[in-house]
């Protein structure tokens, strides 16, 4: 009953509902931002040659592209498309070569060099 007293806000739809539609917060942010850019491009070219730009998929009281994008995600009108890694990528990631680039060091001189590069004088 009290929910009707408050207008829709940035938290509508609730973040929990949105996270149920994707696998991580990063995916949600990425999907929302990409879709918001598409909606923004659609509105910028309204009446012109739109090409492959998809208009908003629902009627919304919100005027902000990101809010519309999140509403579309909550209604499952927009879903992420995931590319499966190729066999070559999987074999590389499972090999020792992938770890060679990310070896950590206990050398204190290397750590001091990194600190010198990151410190601002």
Protein backbone atom coordinates (compact mmCIF):
# COMPACT_ATOMS: atom_id res chain seq x y z
CA UNK A 1 0.00 0.00 0.00
CA UNK A 2 2.82 2.43 0.79
CA UNK A 3 4.59 1.60 -2.48
CA UNK A 4 1.89 3.48 -4.42
CA UNK A 5 2.64 6.67 -2.46
CA UNK A 6 6.15 6.96 -3.87
CA UNK A 7 6.90 7.73 -7.52
CA UNK A 8 9.16 5.48 -9.54
CA UNK A 9 12.78 6.18 -8.81
CA UNK A 10 16.22 4.96 -9.76
CA UNK A 11 15.61 1.92 -7.55
CA UNK A 12 12.61 0.84 -9.57
CA UNK A 13 12.91 -1.91 -10.66
CA UNK A 14 14.70 -3.15 -7.53
CA UNK A 15 18.33 -4.16 -7.97
CA UNK A 16 17.55 -7.65 -6.65
CA UNK A 17 15.09 -8.24 -9.49
CA UNK A 18 17.64 -7.08 -12.03
CA UNK A 19 20.40 -9.28 -10.62
CA UNK A 20 18.10 -12.31 -10.98
CA UNK A 21 18.09 -11.70 -14.76
CA UNK A 22 21.90 -11.68 -15.18
CA UNK A 23 24.81 -13.58 -13.68
CA UNK A 24 26.74 -10.68 -12.09
CA UNK A 25 26.69 -6.98 -11.30
CA UNK A 26 29.23 -6.43 -14.06
CA UNK A 27 26.92 -8.08 -16.59
CA UNK A 28 24.04 -5.93 -15.40
CA UNK A 29 26.02 -2.71 -15.73
CA UNK A 30 27.36 -3.68 -19.15
CA UNK A 31 23.99 -4.79 -20.49
CA UNK A 32 22.22 -1.72 -19.09
CA UNK A 33 24.81 0.69 -20.50
CA UNK A 34 24.78 -0.89 -23.97
CA UNK A 35 21.00 -0.88 -24.15
CA UNK A 36 20.83 2.71 -22.85
CA UNK A 37 23.22 3.77 -25.64
CA UNK A 38 20.96 2.07 -28.19
CA UNK A 39 17.88 3.84 -26.79
CA UNK A 40 19.73 7.16 -26.77
CA UNK A 41 20.80 6.66 -30.39
CA UNK A 42 17.22 5.81 -31.33
CA UNK A 43 15.92 9.00 -29.73
CA UNK A 44 18.68 11.09 -31.34
CA UNK A 45 17.82 9.79 -34.82
CA UNK A 46 14.05 9.70 -34.40
CA UNK A 47 12.48 10.29 -37.78
CA UNK A 48 15.70 9.63 -39.65
CA UNK A 49 17.31 6.55 -41.13
CA UNK A 50 17.43 4.28 -38.08
CA UNK A 51 19.02 1.20 -39.61
CA UNK A 52 19.48 -1.50 -36.97
CA UNK A 53 18.65 0.67 -33.95
CA UNK A 54 15.93 -1.01 -31.87
CA UNK A 55 13.39 1.33 -30.25
CA UNK A 56 12.42 0.99 -26.57
CA UNK A 57 10.50 -2.25 -26.07
CA UNK A 58 8.04 -0.93 -23.46
CA UNK A 59 6.13 2.20 -22.55
CA UNK A 60 7.81 3.93 -19.64
CA UNK A 61 7.15 7.05 -17.65
CA UNK A 62 10.90 7.50 -17.37
CA UNK A 63 12.67 9.67 -19.87
CA UNK A 64 16.18 8.49 -19.01
CA UNK A 65 17.63 5.81 -21.30
CA UNK A 66 19.31 3.91 -18.45
CA UNK A 67 16.06 3.67 -16.48
CA UNK A 68 14.25 2.42 -19.58
CA UNK A 69 17.04 -0.12 -20.17
CA UNK A 70 16.76 -1.43 -16.60
CA UNK A 71 12.97 -1.70 -16.95
CA UNK A 72 13.47 -3.72 -20.14
CA UNK A 73 15.95 -6.01 -18.37
CA UNK A 74 13.52 -6.51 -15.47
CA UNK A 75 10.76 -7.50 -17.91
CA UNK A 76 13.17 -9.92 -19.70
CA UNK A 77 12.81 -7.96 -22.94
CA UNK A 78 16.60 -7.56 -23.14
CA UNK A 79 18.93 -10.43 -22.37
CA UNK A 80 22.70 -10.78 -22.56
CA UNK A 81 24.24 -12.83 -25.36
CA UNK A 82 27.28 -14.74 -24.26
CA UNK A 83 29.96 -15.94 -26.62
CA UNK A 84 31.35 -19.33 -25.74
CA UNK A 85 35.16 -19.41 -25.70
CA UNK A 86 36.70 -21.30 -28.59
CA UNK A 87 38.62 -24.54 -28.11
CA UNK A 88 41.91 -22.66 -28.69
CA UNK A 89 41.07 -20.10 -25.99
CA UNK A 90 40.10 -22.81 -23.53
CA UNK A 91 43.26 -24.82 -24.15
CA UNK A 92 45.42 -21.70 -23.72
CA UNK A 93 43.71 -20.74 -20.46
CA UNK A 94 44.21 -24.24 -19.10
CA UNK A 95 47.87 -24.33 -20.12
CA UNK A 96 50.87 -23.16 -18.11
CA UNK A 97 51.59 -20.47 -20.73
CA UNK A 98 48.69 -18.37 -19.45
CA UNK A 99 50.20 -18.35 -15.98
CA UNK A 100 53.65 -17.30 -17.18
CA UNK A 101 52.42 -13.77 -17.83
CA UNK A 102 51.00 -13.44 -14.32
CA UNK A 103 53.76 -14.70 -12.07
CA UNK A 104 54.08 -12.86 -8.79
CA UNK A 105 57.40 -11.88 -7.33
CA UNK A 106 58.72 -11.64 -3.80
CA UNK A 107 61.56 -9.43 -4.95
CA UNK A 108 61.47 -6.26 -2.78
CA UNK A 109 63.23 -4.22 -5.48
CA UNK A 110 60.47 -4.96 -7.97
CA UNK A 111 57.87 -3.91 -5.41
CA UNK A 112 59.77 -0.66 -4.75
CA UNK A 113 59.91 0.05 -8.49
CA UNK A 114 56.14 -0.37 -8.71
CA UNK A 115 55.68 1.92 -5.71
CA UNK A 116 57.94 4.54 -7.37
CA UNK A 117 55.87 4.39 -10.56
CA UNK A 118 52.56 4.74 -8.75
CA UNK A 119 53.52 7.40 -6.25
CA UNK A 120 52.85 11.02 -7.15
CA UNK A 121 55.38 13.56 -6.01
